[in-house]
């Protein structure tokens, strides 16, 4: 997209629960003003990915930023973001 601000960026985002991989190396970008959704079967990792992106679960691997905030170290800042 041309000169649009990236508001969510995930690169190889992974979440493991023991031997179970709930979210397996997902990569995507969401731009300001874009409508974005997750589609998939039950158990595909949609809710797990959202929990990581809203700052209530830590990923097991990969990288992600929401509004420039890191999902590993700036979860409290992510939780304070207002979209209104």
C-alpha atoms as a PDB file:
ATOM      1  CA  UNK A   1       0.000   0.000   0.000  1.00  0.00           C
ATOM      2  CA  UNK A   2       1.268   3.452  -0.816  1.00  0.00           C
ATOM      3  CA  UNK A   3       2.579   5.515   2.109  1.00  0.00           C
ATOM      4  CA  UNK A   4       0.012   4.164   4.559  1.00  0.00           C
ATOM      5  CA  UNK A   5       0.826   3.767   8.228  1.00  0.00           C
ATOM      6  CA  UNK A   6       1.193   0.195   9.484  1.00  0.00           C
ATOM      7  CA  UNK A   7      -0.788  -0.146  12.712  1.00  0.00           C
ATOM      8  CA  UNK A   8      -0.367  -3.891  13.295  1.00  0.00           C
ATOM      9  CA  UNK A   9       2.647  -5.852  12.156  1.00  0.00           C
ATOM     10  CA  UNK A  10       3.318  -9.537  12.852  1.00  0.00           C
ATOM     11  CA  UNK A  11       6.307 -11.513  11.633  1.00  0.00           C
ATOM     12  CA  UNK A  12       6.488 -15.251  12.349  1.00  0.00           C
ATOM     13  CA  UNK A  13       4.188 -14.877  15.366  1.00  0.00           C
ATOM     14  CA  UNK A  14       3.925 -18.189  17.214  1.00  0.00           C
ATOM     15  CA  UNK A  15       2.268 -19.373  20.425  1.00  0.00           C
ATOM     16  CA  UNK A  16       2.901 -22.803  21.935  1.00  0.00           C
ATOM     17  CA  UNK A  17       1.166 -24.487  24.841  1.00  0.00           C
ATOM     18  CA  UNK A  18       3.536 -27.352  25.622  1.00  0.00           C
ATOM     19  CA  UNK A  19       3.721 -29.501  22.492  1.00  0.00           C
ATOM     20  CA  UNK A  20       0.611 -27.874  20.990  1.00  0.00           C
ATOM     21  CA  UNK A  21       1.195 -24.995  18.550  1.00  0.00           C
ATOM     22  CA  UNK A  22      -1.834 -22.704  18.658  1.00  0.00           C
ATOM     23  CA  UNK A  23      -0.515 -20.008  16.326  1.00  0.00           C
ATOM     24  CA  UNK A  24       2.172 -21.105  13.893  1.00  0.00           C
ATOM     25  CA  UNK A  25       4.462 -18.409  12.457  1.00  0.00           C
ATOM     26  CA  UNK A  26       1.784 -16.030  11.149  1.00  0.00           C
ATOM     27  CA  UNK A  27       2.936 -12.948   9.249  1.00  0.00           C
ATOM     28  CA  UNK A  28       0.780  -9.995   8.204  1.00  0.00           C
ATOM     29  CA  UNK A  29       0.428  -6.213   8.239  1.00  0.00           C
ATOM     30  CA  UNK A  30      -2.653  -4.080   8.838  1.00  0.00           C
ATOM     31  CA  UNK A  31      -2.672  -0.495   7.604  1.00  0.00           C
ATOM     32  CA  UNK A  32      -4.480   2.464   9.149  1.00  0.00           C
ATOM     33  CA  UNK A  33      -8.061   2.564   7.864  1.00  0.00           C
ATOM     34  CA  UNK A  34      -7.968  -0.996   6.576  1.00  0.00           C
ATOM     35  CA  UNK A  35     -10.607  -3.550   7.535  1.00  0.00           C
ATOM     36  CA  UNK A  36      -8.946  -6.809   8.570  1.00  0.00           C
ATOM     37  CA  UNK A  37     -10.271 -10.089   9.908  1.00  0.00           C
ATOM     38  CA  UNK A  38      -9.169 -13.579  10.825  1.00  0.00           C
ATOM     39  CA  UNK A  39     -10.885 -16.534   9.179  1.00  0.00           C
ATOM     40  CA  UNK A  40     -10.320 -20.162  10.050  1.00  0.00           C
ATOM     41  CA  UNK A  41     -11.698 -23.315  11.552  1.00  0.00           C
ATOM     42  CA  UNK A  42     -12.256 -23.788  15.275  1.00  0.00           C
ATOM     43  CA  UNK A  43      -8.876 -24.256  16.921  1.00  0.00           C
ATOM     44  CA  UNK A  44      -6.977 -22.476  14.128  1.00  0.00           C
ATOM     45  CA  UNK A  45      -5.457 -19.901  16.517  1.00  0.00           C
ATOM     46  CA  UNK A  46      -7.623 -16.831  15.821  1.00  0.00           C
ATOM     47  CA  UNK A  47      -8.401 -16.058  19.452  1.00  0.00           C
ATOM     48  CA  UNK A  48      -4.847 -16.846  20.530  1.00  0.00           C
ATOM     49  CA  UNK A  49      -3.490 -14.380  17.960  1.00  0.00           C
ATOM     50  CA  UNK A  50      -5.923 -11.694  19.142  1.00  0.00           C
ATOM     51  CA  UNK A  51      -4.951 -12.262  22.786  1.00  0.00           C
ATOM     52  CA  UNK A  52      -1.328 -11.670  21.843  1.00  0.00           C
ATOM     53  CA  UNK A  53      -2.166  -8.533  19.864  1.00  0.00           C
ATOM     54  CA  UNK A  54      -4.234  -6.979  22.674  1.00  0.00           C
ATOM     55  CA  UNK A  55      -1.514  -7.608  25.232  1.00  0.00           C
ATOM     56  CA  UNK A  56      -3.021 -10.345  27.406  1.00  0.00           C
ATOM     57  CA  UNK A  57      -0.851 -13.249  26.211  1.00  0.00           C
ATOM     58  CA  UNK A  58       2.861 -13.422  25.402  1.00  0.00           C
ATOM     59  CA  UNK A  59       3.979 -15.043  22.166  1.00  0.00           C
ATOM     60  CA  UNK A  60       6.384 -17.982  22.176  1.00  0.00           C
ATOM     61  CA  UNK A  61       8.195 -16.701  19.108  1.00  0.00           C
ATOM     62  CA  UNK A  62       8.232 -14.190  16.313  1.00  0.00           C
ATOM     63  CA  UNK A  63       7.690 -10.463  16.505  1.00  0.00           C
ATOM     64  CA  UNK A  64       4.674  -8.167  16.558  1.00  0.00           C
ATOM     65  CA  UNK A  65       3.895  -4.513  17.094  1.00  0.00           C
ATOM     66  CA  UNK A  66       0.566  -2.800  17.610  1.00  0.00           C
ATOM     67  CA  UNK A  67       0.567   0.978  17.035  1.00  0.00           C
ATOM     68  CA  UNK A  68       4.351   0.799  17.335  1.00  0.00           C
ATOM     69  CA  UNK A  69       4.262  -0.996  20.698  1.00  0.00           C
ATOM     70  CA  UNK A  70       6.062  -4.322  21.123  1.00  0.00           C
ATOM     71  CA  UNK A  71       3.869  -7.271  22.195  1.00  0.00           C
ATOM     72  CA  UNK A  72       6.626  -8.598  24.477  1.00  0.00           C
ATOM     73  CA  UNK A  73       7.631  -5.516  26.414  1.00  0.00           C
ATOM     74  CA  UNK A  74       4.888  -2.892  25.990  1.00  0.00           C
ATOM     75  CA  UNK A  75       1.673  -4.771  26.738  1.00  0.00           C
ATOM     76  CA  UNK A  76       0.382  -2.118  29.127  1.00  0.00           C
ATOM     77  CA  UNK A  77       0.766   0.520  26.408  1.00  0.00           C
ATOM     78  CA  UNK A  78      -1.121  -1.718  23.964  1.00  0.00           C
ATOM     79  CA  UNK A  79      -3.975  -2.092  26.447  1.00  0.00           C
ATOM     80  CA  UNK A  80      -4.303   1.713  26.673  1.00  0.00           C
ATOM     81  CA  UNK A  81      -4.747   2.261  22.918  1.00  0.00           C
ATOM     82  CA  UNK A  82      -8.066   3.857  22.003  1.00  0.00           C
ATOM     83  CA  UNK A  83      -9.504   3.472  18.536  1.00  0.00           C
ATOM     84  CA  UNK A  84     -12.437   5.828  19.063  1.00  0.00           C
END
